[in-house]
Amino acid sequence: MGSKEIGVRSDVFSTLYFLFSGEYKEIEMSSIALRVTLPLSISEEDVKLLLAIKLFEVGKVSLGQAAKLAGFSKRAFIDVLGHYHIPVCNYPAEELRREIGA
């Protein structure tokens, strides 16, 4: 089974680059450097989507930033998050109870 290298690099919420098949593709994002070797069966789009989902889930990027990274509109990205059972709003139950006075 073959593999391909996908690299990610960027500069503090300005530009994120994906290296795919030896070409850098530019996306606005944050500051990191990452190079990963993956099976050929994983597409560039899958990598972008899964990275965006995880970064959003752990609170490292906003909904809009994650959607842009994944190449989706905010609305479409919200639907994708639902498919993966990831809440769009992370509102702790205890905080909600305090706010409604229960």
PDB file of N, CA and C in Angstrom:
ATOM      1  N   MET A   1       0.850  -1.177   0.000  1.00  0.00           N
ATOM      2  CA  MET A   1       0.000   0.000   0.000  1.00  0.00           C
ATOM      3  C   MET A   1       0.892   1.236   0.000  1.00  0.00           C
ATOM      4  N   GLY A   2       0.607   2.191  -0.872  1.00  0.00           N
ATOM      5  CA  GLY A   2       1.383   3.419  -0.946  1.00  0.00           C
ATOM      6  C   GLY A   2       0.962   4.414   0.104  1.00  0.00           C
ATOM      7  N   SER A   3       1.708   5.506   0.155  1.00  0.00           N
ATOM      8  CA  SER A   3       1.357   6.570   1.083  1.00  0.00           C
ATOM      9  C   SER A   3       1.654   7.901   0.430  1.00  0.00           C
ATOM     10  N   LYS A   4       1.119   8.957   1.004  1.00  0.00           N
ATOM     11  CA  LYS A   4       1.376  10.310   0.532  1.00  0.00           C
ATOM     12  C   LYS A   4       1.651  11.175   1.735  1.00  0.00           C
ATOM     13  N   GLU A   5       2.333  12.259   1.530  1.00  0.00           N
ATOM     14  CA  GLU A   5       2.672  13.160   2.622  1.00  0.00           C
ATOM     15  C   GLU A   5       1.810  14.407   2.508  1.00  0.00           C
ATOM     16  N   ILE A   6       1.199  14.773   3.605  1.00  0.00           N
ATOM     17  CA  ILE A   6       0.427  16.005   3.670  1.00  0.00           C
ATOM     18  C   ILE A   6       1.054  16.842   4.767  1.00  0.00           C
ATOM     19  N   GLY A   7       1.506  18.016   4.423  1.00  0.00           N
ATOM     20  CA  GLY A   7       2.111  18.906   5.400  1.00  0.00           C
ATOM     21  C   GLY A   7       1.196  20.070   5.672  1.00  0.00           C
ATOM     22  N   VAL A   8       1.242  20.572   6.870  1.00  0.00           N
ATOM     23  CA  VAL A   8       0.444  21.731   7.246  1.00  0.00           C
ATOM     24  C   VAL A   8       1.370  22.707   7.936  1.00  0.00           C
ATOM     25  N   ARG A   9       1.354  23.964   7.523  1.00  0.00           N
ATOM     26  CA  ARG A   9       2.131  24.979   8.213  1.00  0.00           C
ATOM     27  C   ARG A   9       1.366  26.288   8.140  1.00  0.00           C
ATOM     28  N   SER A  10       1.646  27.209   9.045  1.00  0.00           N
ATOM     29  CA  SER A  10       0.943  28.488   9.010  1.00  0.00           C
ATOM     30  C   SER A  10       1.592  29.515   9.907  1.00  0.00           C
ATOM     31  N   ASP A  11       1.058  30.729   9.868  1.00  0.00           N
ATOM     32  CA  ASP A  11       1.550  31.854  10.661  1.00  0.00           C
ATOM     33  C   ASP A  11       0.375  32.506  11.376  1.00  0.00           C
ATOM     34  N   VAL A  12       0.422  32.534  12.693  1.00  0.00           N
ATOM     35  CA  VAL A  12      -0.565  33.066  13.625  1.00  0.00           C
ATOM     36  C   VAL A  12      -1.846  33.619  12.989  1.00  0.00           C
ATOM     37  N   PHE A  13      -2.836  32.780  12.885  1.00  0.00           N
ATOM     38  CA  PHE A  13      -4.138  33.123  12.323  1.00  0.00           C
ATOM     39  C   PHE A  13      -4.061  33.963  11.058  1.00  0.00           C
ATOM     40  N   SER A  14      -3.092  33.670  10.224  1.00  0.00           N
ATOM     41  CA  SER A  14      -3.059  34.360   8.943  1.00  0.00           C
ATOM     42  C   SER A  14      -3.225  33.370   7.807  1.00  0.00           C
ATOM     43  N   THR A  15      -2.309  32.430   7.666  1.00  0.00           N
ATOM     44  CA  THR A  15      -2.407  31.521   6.526  1.00  0.00           C
ATOM     45  C   THR A  15      -2.015  30.112   6.912  1.00  0.00           C
ATOM     46  N   LEU A  16      -2.782  29.144   6.471  1.00  0.00           N
ATOM     47  CA  LEU A  16      -2.484  27.738   6.677  1.00  0.00           C
ATOM     48  C   LEU A  16      -2.205  27.138   5.313  1.00  0.00           C
ATOM     49  N   TYR A  17      -1.168  26.346   5.199  1.00  0.00           N
ATOM     50  CA  TYR A  17      -0.805  25.736   3.926  1.00  0.00           C
ATOM     51  C   TYR A  17      -0.917  24.227   4.040  1.00  0.00           C
ATOM     52  N   PHE A  18      -1.527  23.598   3.072  1.00  0.00           N
ATOM     53  CA  PHE A  18      -1.561  22.150   2.982  1.00  0.00           C
ATOM     54  C   PHE A  18      -0.655  21.743   1.843  1.00  0.00           C
ATOM     55  N   LEU A  19       0.296  20.860   2.130  1.00  0.00           N
ATOM     56  CA  LEU A  19       1.147  20.297   1.097  1.00  0.00           C
ATOM     57  C   LEU A  19       0.505  19.004   0.649  1.00  0.00           C
ATOM     58  N   PHE A  20       0.106  18.945  -0.592  1.00  0.00           N
ATOM     59  CA  PHE A  20      -0.579  17.778  -1.129  1.00  0.00           C
ATOM     60  C   PHE A  20      -0.013  17.530  -2.517  1.00  0.00           C
ATOM     61  N   SER A  21       0.541  16.384  -2.736  1.00  0.00           N
ATOM     62  CA  SER A  21       1.164  16.047  -4.013  1.00  0.00           C
ATOM     63  C   SER A  21       2.226  17.063  -4.396  1.00  0.00           C
ATOM     64  N   GLY A  22       2.999  17.531  -3.401  1.00  0.00           N
ATOM     65  CA  GLY A  22       4.096  18.435  -3.685  1.00  0.00           C
ATOM     66  C   GLY A  22       3.710  19.875  -3.917  1.00  0.00           C
ATOM     67  N   GLU A  23       2.453  20.234  -3.747  1.00  0.00           N
ATOM     68  CA  GLU A  23       1.971  21.595  -3.981  1.00  0.00           C
ATOM     69  C   GLU A  23       1.419  22.176  -2.685  1.00  0.00           C
ATOM     70  N   TYR A  24       1.732  23.424  -2.392  1.00  0.00           N
ATOM     71  CA  TYR A  24       1.137  24.062  -1.215  1.00  0.00           C
ATOM     72  C   TYR A  24      -0.158  24.740  -1.627  1.00  0.00           C
ATOM     73  N   LYS A  25      -1.189  24.529  -0.849  1.00  0.00           N
ATOM     74  CA  LYS A  25      -2.473  25.181  -1.068  1.00  0.00           C
ATOM     75  C   LYS A  25      -2.741  26.036   0.156  1.00  0.00           C
ATOM     76  N   GLU A  26      -3.139  27.270  -0.051  1.00  0.00           N
ATOM     77  CA  GLU A  26      -3.236  28.250   1.019  1.00  0.00           C
ATOM     78  C   GLU A  26      -4.659  28.333   1.576  1.00  0.00           C
ATOM     79  N   ILE A  27      -4.760  28.371   2.915  1.00  0.00           N
ATOM     80  CA  ILE A  27      -6.026  28.554   3.620  1.00  0.00           C
ATOM     81  C   ILE A  27      -5.730  29.439   4.818  1.00  0.00           C
ATOM     82  N   GLU A  28      -6.580  30.408   5.115  1.00  0.00           N
ATOM     83  CA  GLU A  28      -6.351  31.242   6.296  1.00  0.00           C
ATOM     84  C   GLU A  28      -6.608  30.420   7.556  1.00  0.00           C
ATOM     85  N   MET A  29      -5.691  30.515   8.513  1.00  0.00           N
ATOM     86  CA  MET A  29      -5.833  29.797   9.776  1.00  0.00           C
ATOM     87  C   MET A  29      -4.833  30.293  10.795  1.00  0.00           C
ATOM     88  N   SER A  30      -4.227  29.382  11.574  1.00  0.00           N
ATOM     89  CA  SER A  30      -3.335  29.765  12.667  1.00  0.00           C
ATOM     90  C   SER A  30      -1.925  29.212  12.515  1.00  0.00           C
ATOM     91  N   SER A  31      -1.143  29.300  13.563  1.00  0.00           N
ATOM     92  CA  SER A  31       0.285  29.021  13.509  1.00  0.00           C
ATOM     93  C   SER A  31       0.659  27.602  13.926  1.00  0.00           C
ATOM     94  N   ILE A  32       1.010  26.762  12.958  1.00  0.00           N
ATOM     95  CA  ILE A  32       1.504  25.427  13.267  1.00  0.00           C
ATOM     96  C   ILE A  32       2.390  24.923  12.132  1.00  0.00           C
ATOM     97  N   ALA A  33       3.113  23.874  12.388  1.00  0.00           N
ATOM     98  CA  ALA A  33       3.852  23.162  11.348  1.00  0.00           C
ATOM     99  C   ALA A  33       3.611  21.686  11.583  1.00  0.00           C
ATOM    100  N   LEU A  34       3.149  20.992  10.564  1.00  0.00           N
ATOM    101  CA  LEU A  34       2.782  19.591  10.711  1.00  0.00           C
ATOM    102  C   LEU A  34       3.005  18.880   9.390  1.00  0.00           C
ATOM    103  N   ARG A  35       3.606  17.728   9.446  1.00  0.00           N
ATOM    104  CA  ARG A  35       3.775  16.905   8.247  1.00  0.00           C
ATOM    105  C   ARG A  35       3.376  15.492   8.630  1.00  0.00           C
ATOM    106  N   VAL A  36       2.454  14.907   7.865  1.00  0.00           N
ATOM    107  CA  VAL A  36       1.915  13.597   8.194  1.00  0.00           C
ATOM    108  C   VAL A  36       1.951  12.726   6.944  1.00  0.00           C
ATOM    109  N   THR A  37       2.359  11.482   7.101  1.00  0.00           N
ATOM    110  CA  THR A  37       2.298  10.527   6.005  1.00  0.00           C
ATOM    111  C   THR A  37       1.065   9.662   6.224  1.00  0.00           C
ATOM    112  N   LEU A  38       0.210   9.614   5.202  1.00  0.00           N
ATOM    113  CA  LEU A  38      -1.062   8.908   5.311  1.00  0.00           C
ATOM    114  C   LEU A  38      -1.217   7.913   4.167  1.00  0.00           C
ATOM    115  N   PRO A  39      -2.075   6.925   4.347  1.00  0.00           N
ATOM    116  CA  PRO A  39      -2.374   6.007   3.239  1.00  0.00           C
ATOM    117  C   PRO A  39      -2.979   6.776   2.063  1.00  0.00           C
ATOM    118  N   LEU A  40      -2.763   6.271   0.860  1.00  0.00           N
ATOM    119  CA  LEU A  40      -3.301   6.931  -0.328  1.00  0.00           C
ATOM    120  C   LEU A  40      -4.820   6.994  -0.320  1.00  0.00           C
ATOM    121  N   SER A  41      -5.459   6.134   0.464  1.00  0.00           N
ATOM    122  CA  SER A  41      -6.922   6.098   0.511  1.00  0.00           C
ATOM    123  C   SER A  41      -7.521   7.304   1.226  1.00  0.00           C
ATOM    124  N   ILE A  42      -6.709   8.079   1.928  1.00  0.00           N
ATOM    125  CA  ILE A  42      -7.216   9.262   2.636  1.00  0.00           C
ATOM    126  C   ILE A  42      -6.974  10.486   1.767  1.00  0.00           C
ATOM    127  N   SER A  43      -8.050  11.175   1.418  1.00  0.00           N
ATOM    128  CA  SER A  43      -7.953  12.320   0.513  1.00  0.00           C
ATOM    129  C   SER A  43      -7.573  13.598   1.260  1.00  0.00           C
ATOM    130  N   GLU A  44      -7.133  14.570   0.518  1.00  0.00           N
ATOM    131  CA  GLU A  44      -6.817  15.879   1.083  1.00  0.00           C
ATOM    132  C   GLU A  44      -8.053  16.477   1.758  1.00  0.00           C
ATOM    133  N   GLU A  45      -9.212  16.309   1.135  1.00  0.00           N
ATOM    134  CA  GLU A  45     -10.459  16.837   1.700  1.00  0.00           C
ATOM    135  C   GLU A  45     -10.789  16.185   3.038  1.00  0.00           C
ATOM    136  N   ASP A  46     -10.564  14.868   3.136  1.00  0.00           N
ATOM    137  CA  ASP A  46     -10.795  14.161   4.401  1.00  0.00           C
ATOM    138  C   ASP A  46      -9.885  14.699   5.498  1.00  0.00           C
ATOM    139  N   VAL A  47      -8.624  14.914   5.161  1.00  0.00           N
ATOM    140  CA  VAL A  47      -7.658  15.429   6.139  1.00  0.00           C
ATOM    141  C   VAL A  47      -8.088  16.809   6.617  1.00  0.00           C
ATOM    142  N   LYS A  48      -8.452  17.681   5.700  1.00  0.00           N
ATOM    143  CA  LYS A  48      -8.889  19.031   6.070  1.00  0.00           C
ATOM    144  C   LYS A  48     -10.118  18.974   6.960  1.00  0.00           C
ATOM    145  N   LEU A  49     -11.082  18.152   6.574  1.00  0.00           N
ATOM    146  CA  LEU A  49     -12.322  18.054   7.341  1.00  0.00           C
ATOM    147  C   LEU A  49     -12.067  17.522   8.743  1.00  0.00           C
ATOM    148  N   LEU A  50     -11.338  16.426   8.853  1.00  0.00           N
ATOM    149  CA  LEU A  50     -11.102  15.829  10.168  1.00  0.00           C
ATOM    150  C   LEU A  50     -10.254  16.725  11.062  1.00  0.00           C
ATOM    151  N   LEU A  51      -9.282  17.410  10.474  1.00  0.00           N
ATOM    152  CA  LEU A  51      -8.482  18.364  11.245  1.00  0.00           C
ATOM    153  C   LEU A  51      -9.364  19.516  11.730  1.00  0.00           C
ATOM    154  N   ALA A  52     -10.200  20.039  10.855  1.00  0.00           N
ATOM    155  CA  ALA A  52     -11.090  21.142  11.227  1.00  0.00           C
ATOM    156  C   ALA A  52     -12.054  20.727  12.334  1.00  0.00           C
ATOM    157  N   ILE A  53     -12.618  19.528  12.214  1.00  0.00           N
ATOM    158  CA  ILE A  53     -13.553  19.028  13.232  1.00  0.00           C
ATOM    159  C   ILE A  53     -12.853  18.939  14.589  1.00  0.00           C
ATOM    160  N   LYS A  54     -11.677  18.342  14.609  1.00  0.00           N
ATOM    161  CA  LYS A  54     -10.979  18.157  15.887  1.00  0.00           C
ATOM    162  C   LYS A  54     -10.552  19.492  16.486  1.00  0.00           C
ATOM    163  N   LEU A  55     -10.026  20.396  15.655  1.00  0.00           N
ATOM    164  CA  LEU A  55      -9.620  21.715  16.166  1.00  0.00           C
ATOM    165  C   LEU A  55     -10.822  22.466  16.746  1.00  0.00           C
ATOM    166  N   PHE A  56     -11.978  22.353  16.093  1.00  0.00           N
ATOM    167  CA  PHE A  56     -13.185  22.985  16.617  1.00  0.00           C
ATOM    168  C   PHE A  56     -13.632  22.312  17.911  1.00  0.00           C
ATOM    169  N   GLU A  57     -13.624  20.985  17.913  1.00  0.00           N
ATOM    170  CA  GLU A  57     -14.089  20.228  19.083  1.00  0.00           C
ATOM    171  C   GLU A  57     -13.296  20.569  20.337  1.00  0.00           C
ATOM    172  N   VAL A  58     -12.004  20.764  20.211  1.00  0.00           N
ATOM    173  CA  VAL A  58     -11.181  21.065  21.380  1.00  0.00           C
ATOM    174  C   VAL A  58     -11.045  22.568  21.629  1.00  0.00           C
ATOM    175  N   GLY A  59     -11.756  23.374  20.859  1.00  0.00           N
ATOM    176  CA  GLY A  59     -11.804  24.810  21.116  1.00  0.00           C
ATOM    177  C   GLY A  59     -10.612  25.604  20.620  1.00  0.00           C
ATOM    178  N   LYS A  60      -9.856  25.063  19.689  1.00  0.00           N
ATOM    179  CA  LYS A  60      -8.681  25.771  19.173  1.00  0.00           C
ATOM    180  C   LYS A  60      -9.022  26.738  18.051  1.00  0.00           C
ATOM    181  N   VAL A  61     -10.147  26.517  17.379  1.00  0.00           N
ATOM    182  CA  VAL A  61     -10.594  27.417  16.310  1.00  0.00           C
ATOM    183  C   VAL A  61     -12.089  27.670  16.448  1.00  0.00           C
ATOM    184  N   SER A  62     -12.541  28.750  15.880  1.00  0.00           N
ATOM    185  CA  SER A  62     -13.969  29.075  15.894  1.00  0.00           C
ATOM    186  C   SER A  62     -14.710  28.241  14.847  1.00  0.00           C
ATOM    187  N   LEU A  63     -16.018  28.289  14.899  1.00  0.00           N
ATOM    188  CA  LEU A  63     -16.847  27.588  13.920  1.00  0.00           C
ATOM    189  C   LEU A  63     -16.511  28.077  12.517  1.00  0.00           C
ATOM    190  N   GLY A  64     -16.412  29.385  12.345  1.00  0.00           N
ATOM    191  CA  GLY A  64     -16.109  29.951  11.034  1.00  0.00           C
ATOM    192  C   GLY A  64     -14.739  29.543  10.523  1.00  0.00           C
ATOM    193  N   GLN A  65     -13.752  29.542  11.401  1.00  0.00           N
ATOM    194  CA  GLN A  65     -12.397  29.142  11.001  1.00  0.00           C
ATOM    195  C   GLN A  65     -12.368  27.667  10.610  1.00  0.00           C
ATOM    196  N   ALA A  66     -13.037  26.828  11.393  1.00  0.00           N
ATOM    197  CA  ALA A  66     -13.077  25.398  11.091  1.00  0.00           C
ATOM    198  C   ALA A  66     -13.801  25.140   9.773  1.00  0.00           C
ATOM    199  N   ALA A  67     -14.910  25.825   9.564  1.00  0.00           N
ATOM    200  CA  ALA A  67     -15.656  25.660   8.317  1.00  0.00           C
ATOM    201  C   ALA A  67     -14.793  26.053   7.122  1.00  0.00           C
ATOM    202  N   LYS A  68     -14.092  27.150   7.254  1.00  0.00           N
ATOM    203  CA  LYS A  68     -13.232  27.615   6.170  1.00  0.00           C
ATOM    204  C   LYS A  68     -12.104  26.621   5.900  1.00  0.00           C
ATOM    205  N   LEU A  69     -11.487  26.111   6.948  1.00  0.00           N
ATOM    206  CA  LEU A  69     -10.422  25.115   6.809  1.00  0.00           C
ATOM    207  C   LEU A  69     -10.928  23.880   6.071  1.00  0.00           C
ATOM    208  N   ALA A  70     -12.138  23.447   6.408  1.00  0.00           N
ATOM    209  CA  ALA A  70     -12.723  22.251   5.804  1.00  0.00           C
ATOM    210  C   ALA A  70     -13.280  22.515   4.408  1.00  0.00           C
ATOM    211  N   GLY A  71     -13.425  23.788   4.046  1.00  0.00           N
ATOM    212  CA  GLY A  71     -13.968  24.110   2.728  1.00  0.00           C
ATOM    213  C   GLY A  71     -15.484  24.075   2.667  1.00  0.00           C
ATOM    214  N   PHE A  72     -16.130  24.331   3.804  1.00  0.00           N
ATOM    215  CA  PHE A  72     -17.588  24.310   3.896  1.00  0.00           C
ATOM    216  C   PHE A  72     -18.107  25.678   4.309  1.00  0.00           C
ATOM    217  N   SER A  73     -19.391  25.920   4.045  1.00  0.00           N
ATOM    218  CA  SER A  73     -20.058  27.077   4.638  1.00  0.00           C
ATOM    219  C   SER A  73     -20.267  26.758   6.113  1.00  0.00           C
ATOM    220  N   LYS A  74     -20.554  27.771   6.925  1.00  0.00           N
ATOM    221  CA  LYS A  74     -20.814  27.509   8.348  1.00  0.00           C
ATOM    222  C   LYS A  74     -21.992  26.555   8.507  1.00  0.00           C
ATOM    223  N   ARG A  75     -23.048  26.792   7.740  1.00  0.00           N
ATOM    224  CA  ARG A  75     -24.254  25.961   7.845  1.00  0.00           C
ATOM    225  C   ARG A  75     -23.931  24.499   7.520  1.00  0.00           C
ATOM    226  N   ALA A  76     -23.197  24.279   6.443  1.00  0.00           N
ATOM    227  CA  ALA A  76     -22.847  22.910   6.048  1.00  0.00           C
ATOM    228  C   ALA A  76     -21.931  22.270   7.085  1.00  0.00           C
ATOM    229  N   PHE A  77     -21.019  23.061   7.656  1.00  0.00           N
ATOM    230  CA  PHE A  77     -20.112  22.520   8.669  1.00  0.00           C
ATOM    231  C   PHE A  77     -20.879  22.141   9.937  1.00  0.00           C
ATOM    232  N   ILE A  78     -21.880  22.918  10.292  1.00  0.00           N
ATOM    233  CA  ILE A  78     -22.743  22.573  11.435  1.00  0.00           C
ATOM    234  C   ILE A  78     -23.397  21.215  11.191  1.00  0.00           C
ATOM    235  N   ASP A  79     -23.863  20.978   9.970  1.00  0.00           N
ATOM    236  CA  ASP A  79     -24.460  19.681   9.634  1.00  0.00           C
ATOM    237  C   ASP A  79     -23.439  18.549   9.781  1.00  0.00           C
ATOM    238  N   VAL A  80     -22.201  18.795   9.338  1.00  0.00           N
ATOM    239  CA  VAL A  80     -21.139  17.796   9.463  1.00  0.00           C
ATOM    240  C   VAL A  80     -20.867  17.504  10.936  1.00  0.00           C
ATOM    241  N   LEU A  81     -20.806  18.558  11.761  1.00  0.00           N
ATOM    242  CA  LEU A  81     -20.594  18.361  13.199  1.00  0.00           C
ATOM    243  C   LEU A  81     -21.690  17.490  13.787  1.00  0.00           C
ATOM    244  N   GLY A  82     -22.924  17.714  13.371  1.00  0.00           N
ATOM    245  CA  GLY A  82     -24.038  16.887  13.833  1.00  0.00           C
ATOM    246  C   GLY A  82     -23.857  15.427  13.450  1.00  0.00           C
ATOM    247  N   HIS A  83     -23.373  15.195  12.237  1.00  0.00           N
ATOM    248  CA  HIS A  83     -23.115  13.829  11.773  1.00  0.00           C
ATOM    249  C   HIS A  83     -22.105  13.119  12.676  1.00  0.00           C
ATOM    250  N   TYR A  84     -21.129  13.866  13.168  1.00  0.00           N
ATOM    251  CA  TYR A  84     -20.103  13.305  14.058  1.00  0.00           C
ATOM    252  C   TYR A  84     -20.464  13.456  15.542  1.00  0.00           C
ATOM    253  N   HIS A  85     -21.675  13.906  15.838  1.00  0.00           N
ATOM    254  CA  HIS A  85     -22.176  14.073  17.209  1.00  0.00           C
ATOM    255  C   HIS A  85     -21.315  15.040  18.022  1.00  0.00           C
ATOM    256  N   ILE A  86     -20.899  16.118  17.391  1.00  0.00           N
ATOM    257  CA  ILE A  86     -20.101  17.146  18.061  1.00  0.00           C
ATOM    258  C   ILE A  86     -20.983  18.378  18.222  1.00  0.00           C
ATOM    259  N   PRO A  87     -21.214  18.814  19.466  1.00  0.00           N
ATOM    260  CA  PRO A  87     -22.085  19.968  19.687  1.00  0.00           C
ATOM    261  C   PRO A  87     -21.484  21.258  19.131  1.00  0.00           C
ATOM    262  N   VAL A  88     -22.345  22.085  18.580  1.00  0.00           N
ATOM    263  CA  VAL A  88     -21.911  23.385  18.061  1.00  0.00           C
ATOM    264  C   VAL A  88     -21.677  24.335  19.224  1.00  0.00           C
ATOM    265  N   CYS A  89     -22.513  24.223  20.236  1.00  0.00           N
ATOM    266  CA  CYS A  89     -22.370  25.047  21.441  1.00  0.00           C
ATOM    267  C   CYS A  89     -21.987  24.135  22.600  1.00  0.00           C
ATOM    268  N   ASN A  90     -20.929  24.473  23.273  1.00  0.00           N
ATOM    269  CA  ASN A  90     -20.502  23.682  24.427  1.00  0.00           C
ATOM    270  C   ASN A  90     -20.907  24.456  25.683  1.00  0.00           C
ATOM    271  N   TYR A  91     -22.119  24.176  26.138  1.00  0.00           N
ATOM    272  CA  TYR A  91     -22.677  24.895  27.265  1.00  0.00           C
ATOM    273  C   TYR A  91     -22.881  23.913  28.409  1.00  0.00           C
ATOM    274  N   PRO A  92     -22.048  23.943  29.439  1.00  0.00           N
ATOM    275  CA  PRO A  92     -22.167  22.981  30.537  1.00  0.00           C
ATOM    276  C   PRO A  92     -23.542  23.039  31.211  1.00  0.00           C
ATOM    277  N   ALA A  93     -24.074  21.872  31.548  1.00  0.00           N
ATOM    278  CA  ALA A  93     -25.400  21.773  32.155  1.00  0.00           C
ATOM    279  C   ALA A  93     -25.493  22.586  33.445  1.00  0.00           C
ATOM    280  N   GLU A  94     -24.452  22.551  34.275  1.00  0.00           N
ATOM    281  CA  GLU A  94     -24.457  23.286  35.547  1.00  0.00           C
ATOM    282  C   GLU A  94     -24.573  24.789  35.314  1.00  0.00           C
ATOM    283  N   GLU A  95     -23.865  25.284  34.325  1.00  0.00           N
ATOM    284  CA  GLU A  95     -23.936  26.720  34.009  1.00  0.00           C
ATOM    285  C   GLU A  95     -25.334  27.101  33.530  1.00  0.00           C
ATOM    286  N   LEU A  96     -25.957  26.245  32.730  1.00  0.00           N
ATOM    287  CA  LEU A  96     -27.308  26.496  32.266  1.00  0.00           C
ATOM    288  C   LEU A  96     -28.280  26.522  33.449  1.00  0.00           C
ATOM    289  N   ARG A  97     -28.141  25.577  34.381  1.00  0.00           N
ATOM    290  CA  ARG A  97     -29.021  25.549  35.562  1.00  0.00           C
ATOM    291  C   ARG A  97     -28.884  26.843  36.376  1.00  0.00           C
ATOM    292  N   ARG A  98     -27.646  27.315  36.554  1.00  0.00           N
ATOM    293  CA  ARG A  98     -27.435  28.568  37.297  1.00  0.00           C
ATOM    294  C   ARG A  98     -28.103  29.741  36.597  1.00  0.00           C
ATOM    295  N   GLU A  99     -27.983  29.778  35.286  1.00  0.00           N
ATOM    296  CA  GLU A  99     -28.545  30.918  34.549  1.00  0.00           C
ATOM    297  C   GLU A  99     -30.056  30.949  34.547  1.00  0.00           C
ATOM    298  N   ILE A 100     -30.689  29.785  34.535  1.00  0.00           N
ATOM    299  CA  ILE A 100     -32.146  29.779  34.552  1.00  0.00           C
ATOM    300  C   ILE A 100     -32.713  29.712  35.973  1.00  0.00           C
ATOM    301  N   GLY A 101     -31.798  29.667  36.947  1.00  0.00           N
ATOM    302  CA  GLY A 101     -32.220  29.718  38.342  1.00  0.00           C
ATOM    303  C   GLY A 101     -32.815  28.439  38.856  1.00  0.00           C
ATOM    304  N   ALA A 102     -32.485  27.309  38.262  1.00  0.00           N
ATOM    305  CA  ALA A 102     -33.064  26.039  38.691  1.00  0.00           C
ATOM    306  C   ALA A 102     -32.248  25.426  39.805  1.00  0.00           C
TER     307      ALA A 102
END
